[in-house]
Every structure is written in C-alpha cells, then in structure tokens.
Amino acid sequence: MTNKEYLTKSLNGLNVSEDDIDIILVKGGLVADGTVDTRACDVSVYNRMSVVLKGMLQNVSEGGYSISWNMEAVKMYYSALCNELGKENVLVARPKVRNRSNIW
C-alpha cells in the first residue's frame, strides 16, 4: 500500500478530493507512491486538518436534493487522531488556568 492509497482510504468518508490528498502529501513531505508510513500520514492529516475541514463546510442543496455533513463525526475523527498521536486537540476550547494570586 502506498501513502496516497492509505490517505485515500482513511479519509474516504470525509469528502476529501484527490487534489486535497495531494496537498496533504506535499505539505507533509511524503512520496505519494512510497511505501505507506502510517504515522507520517496521520501527522500530515493532523497538520493539514484545514484541508479536511474545507470540504466539510460546504453544504449542497439543489432541486430538492441536499447534502449536509456531520461536523460532530469530523470532530470525533480529529479527536481520535489527536489521542492516537498524542497531540493537542486545537478544535476544542480548553479552559485556561491563570495565576490571579496577585489580586489578593
């Protein structure tokens, strides 16, 4: 299996075009026809999540037929990817702890 085949199959349900996969490969420094490096591919998807989200933000409605995307499913996919890679989930706002002891 090649890097491109892995990305195509793993992002299959997320409305990512072949051009978007090529961008993920180039930005990640991956060779499309090289032997699959799953970790490098997953890190590239994490780093270029904007490409995946771009395709998900387009709802289509035409002539009584409409397509809408399940953003919660995308967030769950991204969260699972972050947990797998041990990286920060930047899509979820986290409360910040601040030192307010100087107020007293």
PDB file of N, CA and C in Angstrom:
ATOM      1  N   MET A   1       0.845  -1.170   0.000  1.00  0.00           N
ATOM      2  CA  MET A   1       0.000   0.000   0.000  1.00  0.00           C
ATOM      3  C   MET A   1       0.898   1.243   0.000  1.00  0.00           C
ATOM      4  N   THR A   2       0.468   2.240  -0.753  1.00  0.00           N
ATOM      5  CA  THR A   2       1.242   3.485  -0.844  1.00  0.00           C
ATOM      6  C   THR A   2       0.657   4.534   0.108  1.00  0.00           C
ATOM      7  N   ASN A   3       1.403   5.611   0.297  1.00  0.00           N
ATOM      8  CA  ASN A   3       0.935   6.711   1.147  1.00  0.00           C
ATOM      9  C   ASN A   3      -0.377   7.289   0.617  1.00  0.00           C
ATOM     10  N   LYS A   4      -0.458   7.452  -0.689  1.00  0.00           N
ATOM     11  CA  LYS A   4      -1.667   8.035  -1.284  1.00  0.00           C
ATOM     12  C   LYS A   4      -2.869   7.110  -1.111  1.00  0.00           C
ATOM     13  N   GLU A   5      -2.667   5.815  -1.287  1.00  0.00           N
ATOM     14  CA  GLU A   5      -3.759   4.860  -1.093  1.00  0.00           C
ATOM     15  C   GLU A   5      -4.238   4.877   0.358  1.00  0.00           C
ATOM     16  N   TYR A   6      -3.299   4.945   1.297  1.00  0.00           N
ATOM     17  CA  TYR A   6      -3.658   4.983   2.711  1.00  0.00           C
ATOM     18  C   TYR A   6      -4.489   6.226   3.026  1.00  0.00           C
ATOM     19  N   LEU A   7      -4.039   7.386   2.558  1.00  0.00           N
ATOM     20  CA  LEU A   7      -4.784   8.619   2.815  1.00  0.00           C
ATOM     21  C   LEU A   7      -6.150   8.596   2.143  1.00  0.00           C
ATOM     22  N   THR A   8      -6.213   8.078   0.937  1.00  0.00           N
ATOM     23  CA  THR A   8      -7.482   7.998   0.214  1.00  0.00           C
ATOM     24  C   THR A   8      -8.476   7.136   0.974  1.00  0.00           C
ATOM     25  N   LYS A   9      -8.012   5.994   1.472  1.00  0.00           N
ATOM     26  CA  LYS A   9      -8.907   5.086   2.196  1.00  0.00           C
ATOM     27  C   LYS A   9      -9.263   5.613   3.581  1.00  0.00           C
ATOM     28  N   SER A  10      -8.302   6.212   4.275  1.00  0.00           N
ATOM     29  CA  SER A  10      -8.590   6.674   5.631  1.00  0.00           C
ATOM     30  C   SER A  10      -9.462   7.926   5.651  1.00  0.00           C
ATOM     31  N   LEU A  11      -9.416   8.728   4.597  1.00  0.00           N
ATOM     32  CA  LEU A  11     -10.227   9.947   4.524  1.00  0.00           C
ATOM     33  C   LEU A  11     -11.424   9.788   3.594  1.00  0.00           C
ATOM     34  N   ASN A  12     -11.765   8.575   3.268  1.00  0.00           N
ATOM     35  CA  ASN A  12     -12.800   8.266   2.290  1.00  0.00           C
ATOM     36  C   ASN A  12     -14.145   8.927   2.601  1.00  0.00           C
ATOM     37  N   GLY A  13     -14.625   8.871   3.827  1.00  0.00           N
ATOM     38  CA  GLY A  13     -15.942   9.390   4.163  1.00  0.00           C
ATOM     39  C   GLY A  13     -15.969  10.866   4.514  1.00  0.00           C
ATOM     40  N   LEU A  14     -14.856  11.565   4.346  1.00  0.00           N
ATOM     41  CA  LEU A  14     -14.783  12.954   4.777  1.00  0.00           C
ATOM     42  C   LEU A  14     -14.814  13.953   3.629  1.00  0.00           C
ATOM     43  N   ASN A  15     -15.212  13.535   2.449  1.00  0.00           N
ATOM     44  CA  ASN A  15     -15.350  14.431   1.296  1.00  0.00           C
ATOM     45  C   ASN A  15     -14.048  15.139   0.942  1.00  0.00           C
ATOM     46  N   VAL A  16     -12.945  14.419   1.007  1.00  0.00           N
ATOM     47  CA  VAL A  16     -11.639  14.981   0.661  1.00  0.00           C
ATOM     48  C   VAL A  16     -11.331  14.565  -0.779  1.00  0.00           C
ATOM     49  N   SER A  17     -11.067  15.553  -1.627  1.00  0.00           N
ATOM     50  CA  SER A  17     -10.806  15.261  -3.035  1.00  0.00           C
ATOM     51  C   SER A  17      -9.379  14.741  -3.223  1.00  0.00           C
ATOM     52  N   GLU A  18      -9.120  14.229  -4.398  1.00  0.00           N
ATOM     53  CA  GLU A  18      -7.780  13.728  -4.725  1.00  0.00           C
ATOM     54  C   GLU A  18      -6.762  14.868  -4.703  1.00  0.00           C
ATOM     55  N   ASP A  19      -7.180  16.054  -5.138  1.00  0.00           N
ATOM     56  CA  ASP A  19      -6.292  17.225  -5.091  1.00  0.00           C
ATOM     57  C   ASP A  19      -5.937  17.582  -3.644  1.00  0.00           C
ATOM     58  N   ASP A  20      -6.914  17.484  -2.741  1.00  0.00           N
ATOM     59  CA  ASP A  20      -6.655  17.760  -1.327  1.00  0.00           C
ATOM     60  C   ASP A  20      -5.671  16.746  -0.745  1.00  0.00           C
ATOM     61  N   ILE A  21      -5.806  15.500  -1.149  1.00  0.00           N
ATOM     62  CA  ILE A  21      -4.876  14.468  -0.681  1.00  0.00           C
ATOM     63  C   ILE A  21      -3.479  14.758  -1.204  1.00  0.00           C
ATOM     64  N   ASP A  22      -3.382  15.217  -2.446  1.00  0.00           N
ATOM     65  CA  ASP A  22      -2.071  15.596  -2.985  1.00  0.00           C
ATOM     66  C   ASP A  22      -1.450  16.733  -2.182  1.00  0.00           C
ATOM     67  N   ILE A  23      -2.272  17.696  -1.758  1.00  0.00           N
ATOM     68  CA  ILE A  23      -1.772  18.804  -0.943  1.00  0.00           C
ATOM     69  C   ILE A  23      -1.273  18.291   0.406  1.00  0.00           C
ATOM     70  N   ILE A  24      -2.024  17.386   1.017  1.00  0.00           N
ATOM     71  CA  ILE A  24      -1.595  16.805   2.291  1.00  0.00           C
ATOM     72  C   ILE A  24      -0.264  16.083   2.124  1.00  0.00           C
ATOM     73  N   LEU A  25      -0.105  15.355   1.020  1.00  0.00           N
ATOM     74  CA  LEU A  25       1.151  14.641   0.755  1.00  0.00           C
ATOM     75  C   LEU A  25       2.317  15.609   0.578  1.00  0.00           C
ATOM     76  N   VAL A  26       2.110  16.649  -0.209  1.00  0.00           N
ATOM     77  CA  VAL A  26       3.185  17.611  -0.476  1.00  0.00           C
ATOM     78  C   VAL A  26       3.565  18.356   0.797  1.00  0.00           C
ATOM     79  N   LYS A  27       2.570  18.855   1.519  1.00  0.00           N
ATOM     80  CA  LYS A  27       2.841  19.605   2.751  1.00  0.00           C
ATOM     81  C   LYS A  27       3.512  18.730   3.806  1.00  0.00           C
ATOM     82  N   GLY A  28       3.199  17.442   3.795  1.00  0.00           N
ATOM     83  CA  GLY A  28       3.798  16.516   4.759  1.00  0.00           C
ATOM     84  C   GLY A  28       5.140  15.976   4.321  1.00  0.00           C
ATOM     85  N   GLY A  29       5.565  16.318   3.109  1.00  0.00           N
ATOM     86  CA  GLY A  29       6.841  15.819   2.605  1.00  0.00           C
ATOM     87  C   GLY A  29       6.823  14.329   2.324  1.00  0.00           C
ATOM     88  N   LEU A  30       5.667  13.813   1.954  1.00  0.00           N
ATOM     89  CA  LEU A  30       5.517  12.382   1.699  1.00  0.00           C
ATOM     90  C   LEU A  30       5.554  12.095   0.201  1.00  0.00           C
ATOM     91  N   VAL A  31       6.098  10.950  -0.138  1.00  0.00           N
ATOM     92  CA  VAL A  31       6.105  10.488  -1.528  1.00  0.00           C
ATOM     93  C   VAL A  31       4.815   9.715  -1.758  1.00  0.00           C
ATOM     94  N   ALA A  32       4.026  10.136  -2.725  1.00  0.00           N
ATOM     95  CA  ALA A  32       2.718   9.530  -2.968  1.00  0.00           C
ATOM     96  C   ALA A  32       2.817   8.031  -3.248  1.00  0.00           C
ATOM     97  N   ASP A  33       3.798   7.624  -4.040  1.00  0.00           N
ATOM     98  CA  ASP A  33       3.928   6.215  -4.415  1.00  0.00           C
ATOM     99  C   ASP A  33       4.866   5.436  -3.501  1.00  0.00           C
ATOM    100  N   GLY A  34       5.337   6.078  -2.432  1.00  0.00           N
ATOM    101  CA  GLY A  34       6.228   5.405  -1.487  1.00  0.00           C
ATOM    102  C   GLY A  34       5.459   4.433  -0.613  1.00  0.00           C
ATOM    103  N   THR A  35       6.184   3.505  -0.021  1.00  0.00           N
ATOM    104  CA  THR A  35       5.570   2.545   0.896  1.00  0.00           C
ATOM    105  C   THR A  35       4.949   3.307   2.060  1.00  0.00           C
ATOM    106  N   VAL A  36       3.775   2.879   2.475  1.00  0.00           N
ATOM    107  CA  VAL A  36       2.999   3.619   3.467  1.00  0.00           C
ATOM    108  C   VAL A  36       3.755   3.747   4.794  1.00  0.00           C
ATOM    109  N   ASP A  37       3.761   4.963   5.307  1.00  0.00           N
ATOM    110  CA  ASP A  37       4.242   5.276   6.645  1.00  0.00           C
ATOM    111  C   ASP A  37       3.043   5.859   7.368  1.00  0.00           C
ATOM    112  N   THR A  38       2.310   5.008   8.096  1.00  0.00           N
ATOM    113  CA  THR A  38       1.030   5.414   8.670  1.00  0.00           C
ATOM    114  C   THR A  38       1.184   6.578   9.642  1.00  0.00           C
ATOM    115  N   ARG A  39       2.215   6.557  10.443  1.00  0.00           N
ATOM    116  CA  ARG A  39       2.412   7.655  11.409  1.00  0.00           C
ATOM    117  C   ARG A  39       2.626   8.985  10.680  1.00  0.00           C
ATOM    118  N   ALA A  40       3.479   8.985   9.659  1.00  0.00           N
ATOM    119  CA  ALA A  40       3.747  10.214   8.908  1.00  0.00           C
ATOM    120  C   ALA A  40       2.483  10.698   8.195  1.00  0.00           C
ATOM    121  N   CYS A  41       1.692   9.773   7.672  1.00  0.00           N
ATOM    122  CA  CYS A  41       0.437  10.155   7.012  1.00  0.00           C
ATOM    123  C   CYS A  41      -0.538  10.758   8.018  1.00  0.00           C
ATOM    124  N   ASP A  42      -0.661  10.141   9.194  1.00  0.00           N
ATOM    125  CA  ASP A  42      -1.571  10.655  10.212  1.00  0.00           C
ATOM    126  C   ASP A  42      -1.124  12.025  10.716  1.00  0.00           C
ATOM    127  N   VAL A  43       0.175  12.217  10.878  1.00  0.00           N
ATOM    128  CA  VAL A  43       0.690  13.516  11.302  1.00  0.00           C
ATOM    129  C   VAL A  43       0.414  14.559  10.222  1.00  0.00           C
ATOM    130  N   SER A  44       0.541  14.177   8.971  1.00  0.00           N
ATOM    131  CA  SER A  44       0.240  15.111   7.881  1.00  0.00           C
ATOM    132  C   SER A  44      -1.224  15.512   7.879  1.00  0.00           C
ATOM    133  N   VAL A  45      -2.115  14.572   8.132  1.00  0.00           N
ATOM    134  CA  VAL A  45      -3.543  14.884   8.214  1.00  0.00           C
ATOM    135  C   VAL A  45      -3.786  15.815   9.401  1.00  0.00           C
ATOM    136  N   TYR A  46      -3.153  15.532  10.536  1.00  0.00           N
ATOM    137  CA  TYR A  46      -3.295  16.399  11.716  1.00  0.00           C
ATOM    138  C   TYR A  46      -2.836  17.822  11.399  1.00  0.00           C
ATOM    139  N   ASN A  47      -1.696  17.933  10.744  1.00  0.00           N
ATOM    140  CA  ASN A  47      -1.142  19.252  10.430  1.00  0.00           C
ATOM    141  C   ASN A  47      -1.960  19.997   9.383  1.00  0.00           C
ATOM    142  N   ARG A  48      -2.637  19.287   8.511  1.00  0.00           N
ATOM    143  CA  ARG A  48      -3.407  19.910   7.427  1.00  0.00           C
ATOM    144  C   ARG A  48      -4.901  19.657   7.595  1.00  0.00           C
ATOM    145  N   MET A  49      -5.385  19.655   8.823  1.00  0.00           N
ATOM    146  CA  MET A  49      -6.807  19.423   9.072  1.00  0.00           C
ATOM    147  C   MET A  49      -7.669  20.479   8.390  1.00  0.00           C
ATOM    148  N   SER A  50      -7.095  21.636   8.105  1.00  0.00           N
ATOM    149  CA  SER A  50      -7.852  22.691   7.416  1.00  0.00           C
ATOM    150  C   SER A  50      -8.315  22.219   6.036  1.00  0.00           C
ATOM    151  N   VAL A  51      -7.533  21.378   5.380  1.00  0.00           N
ATOM    152  CA  VAL A  51      -7.920  20.845   4.070  1.00  0.00           C
ATOM    153  C   VAL A  51      -9.143  19.946   4.220  1.00  0.00           C
ATOM    154  N   VAL A  52      -9.159  19.145   5.270  1.00  0.00           N
ATOM    155  CA  VAL A  52     -10.295  18.258   5.512  1.00  0.00           C
ATOM    156  C   VAL A  52     -11.530  19.073   5.877  1.00  0.00           C
ATOM    157  N   LEU A  53     -11.361  20.068   6.740  1.00  0.00           N
ATOM    158  CA  LEU A  53     -12.498  20.888   7.163  1.00  0.00           C
ATOM    159  C   LEU A  53     -13.080  21.709   6.021  1.00  0.00           C
ATOM    160  N   LYS A  54     -12.234  22.101   5.089  1.00  0.00           N
ATOM    161  CA  LYS A  54     -12.699  22.883   3.942  1.00  0.00           C
ATOM    162  C   LYS A  54     -13.786  22.136   3.179  1.00  0.00           C
ATOM    163  N   GLY A  55     -13.595  20.866   2.965  1.00  0.00           N
ATOM    164  CA  GLY A  55     -14.580  20.057   2.253  1.00  0.00           C
ATOM    165  C   GLY A  55     -15.833  19.807   3.065  1.00  0.00           C
ATOM    166  N   MET A  56     -15.712  19.838   4.380  1.00  0.00           N
ATOM    167  CA  MET A  56     -16.848  19.553   5.245  1.00  0.00           C
ATOM    168  C   MET A  56     -17.756  20.764   5.435  1.00  0.00           C
ATOM    169  N   LEU A  57     -17.284  21.946   5.152  1.00  0.00           N
ATOM    170  CA  LEU A  57     -18.072  23.141   5.411  1.00  0.00           C
ATOM    171  C   LEU A  57     -18.994  23.503   4.260  1.00  0.00           C
ATOM    172  N   GLN A  58     -19.006  22.702   3.227  1.00  0.00           N
ATOM    173  CA  GLN A  58     -19.812  23.012   2.058  1.00  0.00           C
ATOM    174  C   GLN A  58     -21.065  22.140   2.044  1.00  0.00           C
ATOM    175  N   ASN A  59     -22.202  22.730   2.403  1.00  0.00           N
ATOM    176  CA  ASN A  59     -23.476  22.039   2.290  1.00  0.00           C
ATOM    177  C   ASN A  59     -24.059  22.347   0.915  1.00  0.00           C
ATOM    178  N   VAL A  60     -24.579  21.337   0.263  1.00  0.00           N
ATOM    179  CA  VAL A  60     -25.082  21.495  -1.096  1.00  0.00           C
ATOM    180  C   VAL A  60     -26.582  21.236  -1.107  1.00  0.00           C
ATOM    181  N   SER A  61     -27.316  22.120  -1.756  1.00  0.00           N
ATOM    182  CA  SER A  61     -28.746  21.949  -1.908  1.00  0.00           C
ATOM    183  C   SER A  61     -29.130  22.386  -3.317  1.00  0.00           C
ATOM    184  N   GLU A  62     -29.774  21.479  -4.040  1.00  0.00           N
ATOM    185  CA  GLU A  62     -30.134  21.795  -5.417  1.00  0.00           C
ATOM    186  C   GLU A  62     -31.337  20.961  -5.834  1.00  0.00           C
ATOM    187  N   GLY A  63     -32.367  21.617  -6.279  1.00  0.00           N
ATOM    188  CA  GLY A  63     -33.532  20.929  -6.836  1.00  0.00           C
ATOM    189  C   GLY A  63     -34.162  19.908  -5.909  1.00  0.00           C
ATOM    190  N   GLY A  64     -34.305  20.216  -4.638  1.00  0.00           N
ATOM    191  CA  GLY A  64     -34.916  19.281  -3.707  1.00  0.00           C
ATOM    192  C   GLY A  64     -33.974  18.230  -3.174  1.00  0.00           C
ATOM    193  N   TYR A  65     -32.731  18.251  -3.586  1.00  0.00           N
ATOM    194  CA  TYR A  65     -31.727  17.291  -3.121  1.00  0.00           C
ATOM    195  C   TYR A  65     -30.674  18.055  -2.334  1.00  0.00           C
ATOM    196  N   SER A  66     -30.386  17.610  -1.133  1.00  0.00           N
ATOM    197  CA  SER A  66     -29.385  18.323  -0.345  1.00  0.00           C
ATOM    198  C   SER A  66     -28.427  17.346   0.329  1.00  0.00           C
ATOM    199  N   ILE A  67     -27.216  17.828   0.533  1.00  0.00           N
ATOM    200  CA  ILE A  67     -26.183  17.069   1.229  1.00  0.00           C
ATOM    201  C   ILE A  67     -25.660  17.960   2.350  1.00  0.00           C
ATOM    202  N   SER A  68     -25.630  17.428   3.543  1.00  0.00           N
ATOM    203  CA  SER A  68     -25.019  18.157   4.652  1.00  0.00           C
ATOM    204  C   SER A  68     -24.077  17.203   5.374  1.00  0.00           C
ATOM    205  N   TRP A  69     -23.065  17.757   5.979  1.00  0.00           N
ATOM    206  CA  TRP A  69     -22.015  16.950   6.588  1.00  0.00           C
ATOM    207  C   TRP A  69     -22.144  16.943   8.096  1.00  0.00           C
ATOM    208  N   ASN A  70     -21.819  15.836   8.694  1.00  0.00           N
ATOM    209  CA  ASN A  70     -21.899  15.660  10.130  1.00  0.00           C
ATOM    210  C   ASN A  70     -20.597  16.161  10.762  1.00  0.00           C
ATOM    211  N   MET A  71     -20.615  17.410  11.221  1.00  0.00           N
ATOM    212  CA  MET A  71     -19.408  18.005  11.798  1.00  0.00           C
ATOM    213  C   MET A  71     -18.996  17.316  13.096  1.00  0.00           C
ATOM    214  N   GLU A  72     -19.950  16.777  13.838  1.00  0.00           N
ATOM    215  CA  GLU A  72     -19.606  16.066  15.070  1.00  0.00           C
ATOM    216  C   GLU A  72     -18.773  14.826  14.758  1.00  0.00           C
ATOM    217  N   ALA A  73     -19.078  14.159  13.660  1.00  0.00           N
ATOM    218  CA  ALA A  73     -18.295  12.989  13.268  1.00  0.00           C
ATOM    219  C   ALA A  73     -16.874  13.390  12.906  1.00  0.00           C
ATOM    220  N   VAL A  74     -16.713  14.529  12.246  1.00  0.00           N
ATOM    221  CA  VAL A  74     -15.378  15.023  11.892  1.00  0.00           C
ATOM    222  C   VAL A  74     -14.602  15.371  13.150  1.00  0.00           C
ATOM    223  N   LYS A  75     -15.265  16.019  14.105  1.00  0.00           N
ATOM    224  CA  LYS A  75     -14.609  16.362  15.364  1.00  0.00           C
ATOM    225  C   LYS A  75     -14.203  15.107  16.130  1.00  0.00           C
ATOM    226  N   MET A  76     -15.048  14.077  16.093  1.00  0.00           N
ATOM    227  CA  MET A  76     -14.702  12.816  16.758  1.00  0.00           C
ATOM    228  C   MET A  76     -13.509  12.160  16.079  1.00  0.00           C
ATOM    229  N   TYR A  77     -13.468  12.181  14.746  1.00  0.00           N
ATOM    230  CA  TYR A  77     -12.335  11.635  13.998  1.00  0.00           C
ATOM    231  C   TYR A  77     -11.058  12.378  14.378  1.00  0.00           C
ATOM    232  N   TYR A  78     -11.141  13.711  14.410  1.00  0.00           N
ATOM    233  CA  TYR A  78      -9.980  14.531  14.737  1.00  0.00           C
ATOM    234  C   TYR A  78      -9.529  14.291  16.176  1.00  0.00           C
ATOM    235  N   SER A  79     -10.480  14.164  17.089  1.00  0.00           N
ATOM    236  CA  SER A  79     -10.156  13.901  18.487  1.00  0.00           C
ATOM    237  C   SER A  79      -9.458  12.550  18.640  1.00  0.00           C
ATOM    238  N   ALA A  80      -9.963  11.536  17.949  1.00  0.00           N
ATOM    239  CA  ALA A  80      -9.331  10.221  17.994  1.00  0.00           C
ATOM    240  C   ALA A  80      -7.925  10.270  17.407  1.00  0.00           C
ATOM    241  N   LEU A  81      -7.757  11.027  16.325  1.00  0.00           N
ATOM    242  CA  LEU A  81      -6.439  11.182  15.705  1.00  0.00           C
ATOM    243  C   LEU A  81      -5.475  11.870  16.669  1.00  0.00           C
ATOM    244  N   CYS A  82      -5.947  12.909  17.355  1.00  0.00           N
ATOM    245  CA  CYS A  82      -5.107  13.614  18.334  1.00  0.00           C
ATOM    246  C   CYS A  82      -4.694  12.684  19.469  1.00  0.00           C
ATOM    247  N   ASN A  83      -5.634  11.895  19.977  1.00  0.00           N
ATOM    248  CA  ASN A  83      -5.317  10.959  21.054  1.00  0.00           C
ATOM    249  C   ASN A  83      -4.316   9.914  20.595  1.00  0.00           C
ATOM    250  N   GLU A  84      -4.487   9.420  19.383  1.00  0.00           N
ATOM    251  CA  GLU A  84      -3.587   8.404  18.828  1.00  0.00           C
ATOM    252  C   GLU A  84      -2.172   8.943  18.670  1.00  0.00           C
ATOM    253  N   LEU A  85      -2.059  10.197  18.239  1.00  0.00           N
ATOM    254  CA  LEU A  85      -0.752  10.800  18.004  1.00  0.00           C
ATOM    255  C   LEU A  85      -0.160  11.457  19.247  1.00  0.00           C
ATOM    256  N   GLY A  86      -0.980  11.647  20.287  1.00  0.00           N
ATOM    257  CA  GLY A  86      -0.518  12.316  21.489  1.00  0.00           C
ATOM    258  C   GLY A  86      -0.324  13.811  21.275  1.00  0.00           C
ATOM    259  N   LYS A  87      -1.153  14.398  20.416  1.00  0.00           N
ATOM    260  CA  LYS A  87      -1.052  15.823  20.098  1.00  0.00           C
ATOM    261  C   LYS A  87      -2.261  16.562  20.640  1.00  0.00           C
ATOM    262  N   GLU A  88      -2.141  17.890  20.719  1.00  0.00           N
ATOM    263  CA  GLU A  88      -3.203  18.724  21.256  1.00  0.00           C
ATOM    264  C   GLU A  88      -4.362  18.845  20.271  1.00  0.00           C
ATOM    265  N   ASN A  89      -5.569  18.771  20.796  1.00  0.00           N
ATOM    266  CA  ASN A  89      -6.767  18.962  20.002  1.00  0.00           C
ATOM    267  C   ASN A  89      -7.083  20.451  19.980  1.00  0.00           C
ATOM    268  N   VAL A  90      -6.786  21.110  18.886  1.00  0.00           N
ATOM    269  CA  VAL A  90      -6.964  22.561  18.796  1.00  0.00           C
ATOM    270  C   VAL A  90      -8.387  22.957  18.415  1.00  0.00           C
ATOM    271  N   LEU A  91      -9.235  22.005  18.083  1.00  0.00           N
ATOM    272  CA  LEU A  91     -10.620  22.323  17.746  1.00  0.00           C
ATOM    273  C   LEU A  91     -11.501  22.476  18.980  1.00  0.00           C
ATOM    274  N   VAL A  92     -11.043  21.968  20.114  1.00  0.00           N
ATOM    275  CA  VAL A  92     -11.816  22.036  21.350  1.00  0.00           C
ATOM    276  C   VAL A  92     -11.222  23.116  22.237  1.00  0.00           C
ATOM    277  N   ALA A  93     -12.060  24.058  22.629  1.00  0.00           N
ATOM    278  CA  ALA A  93     -11.591  25.124  23.513  1.00  0.00           C
ATOM    279  C   ALA A  93     -11.399  24.561  24.918  1.00  0.00           C
ATOM    280  N   ARG A  94     -10.236  24.809  25.474  1.00  0.00           N
ATOM    281  CA  ARG A  94      -9.950  24.352  26.826  1.00  0.00           C
ATOM    282  C   ARG A  94      -9.877  25.547  27.754  1.00  0.00           C
ATOM    283  N   PRO A  95     -10.371  25.366  28.973  1.00  0.00           N
ATOM    284  CA  PRO A  95     -10.257  26.476  29.918  1.00  0.00           C
ATOM    285  C   PRO A  95      -8.799  26.709  30.283  1.00  0.00           C
ATOM    286  N   LYS A  96      -8.440  27.965  30.460  1.00  0.00           N
ATOM    287  CA  LYS A  96      -7.069  28.306  30.808  1.00  0.00           C
ATOM    288  C   LYS A  96      -6.995  28.628  32.292  1.00  0.00           C
ATOM    289  N   VAL A  97      -5.982  28.101  32.943  1.00  0.00           N
ATOM    290  CA  VAL A  97      -5.753  28.384  34.350  1.00  0.00           C
ATOM    291  C   VAL A  97      -4.788  29.558  34.421  1.00  0.00           C
ATOM    292  N   ARG A  98      -5.223  30.591  35.109  1.00  0.00           N
ATOM    293  CA  ARG A  98      -4.399  31.775  35.226  1.00  0.00           C
ATOM    294  C   ARG A  98      -4.070  32.013  36.688  1.00  0.00           C
ATOM    295  N   ASN A  99      -2.911  32.566  36.927  1.00  0.00           N
ATOM    296  CA  ASN A  99      -2.496  32.895  38.270  1.00  0.00           C
ATOM    297  C   ASN A  99      -3.065  34.270  38.630  1.00  0.00           C
ATOM    298  N   ARG A 100      -4.055  34.270  39.517  1.00  0.00           N
ATOM    299  CA  ARG A 100      -4.689  35.515  39.958  1.00  0.00           C
ATOM    300  C   ARG A 100      -4.356  35.824  41.414  1.00  0.00           C
ATOM    301  N   SER A 101      -3.285  35.241  41.924  1.00  0.00           N
ATOM    302  CA  SER A 101      -2.925  35.435  43.326  1.00  0.00           C
ATOM    303  C   SER A 101      -2.476  36.864  43.624  1.00  0.00           C
ATOM    304  N   ASN A 102      -2.091  37.622  42.600  1.00  0.00           N
ATOM    305  CA  ASN A 102      -1.651  38.991  42.833  1.00  0.00           C
ATOM    306  C   ASN A 102      -2.810  39.935  43.132  1.00  0.00           C
ATOM    307  N   ILE A 103      -4.039  39.506  42.944  1.00  0.00           N
ATOM    308  CA  ILE A 103      -5.208  40.323  43.215  1.00  0.00           C
ATOM    309  C   ILE A 103      -5.433  40.452  44.718  1.00  0.00           C
ATOM    310  N   TRP A 104      -5.062  39.474  45.490  1.00  0.00           N
ATOM    311  CA  TRP A 104      -5.328  39.443  46.918  1.00  0.00           C
ATOM    312  C   TRP A 104      -4.409  40.403  47.559  1.00  0.00           C
TER     313      TRP A 104
END
